[in-house]
């Protein structure tokens, strides 16, 4: 009853083959390391929802994918940074800030203004 490894990406279905599990874990670890590098470059105290949105060029789907990968990894995994749990905590705080009106309704022309003007 071994699950087969699918080499053709067209036939690959997440969750159905061992190859998919390995791919998913690799992408999760990649997300964790990418966020680790970003958080260390910014400084943990400077990581905010707006700085994360700026990093992903206001692409919320990209940011949610990166954060999902970061939150999905186990903090005690030896292939991850030693401060993964701290990075996850900082990311959770920044994630909660994504509901700010300035991020939810950005001005398309880049100018500042009241939310009612938008």
Foldseek 3Di string as FASTA:
>chain_A
DAFDDDPDPVPDDQPRHPNNVVVLLVQLQVLLVVLVVVCVVCPLVRDALVVLCVVVVLPVVVSVSSLVSLVPDDQPDPVHDVCSVVSNVSVVRRVVRCVDLCSVDPDPVNDDDDSVVD
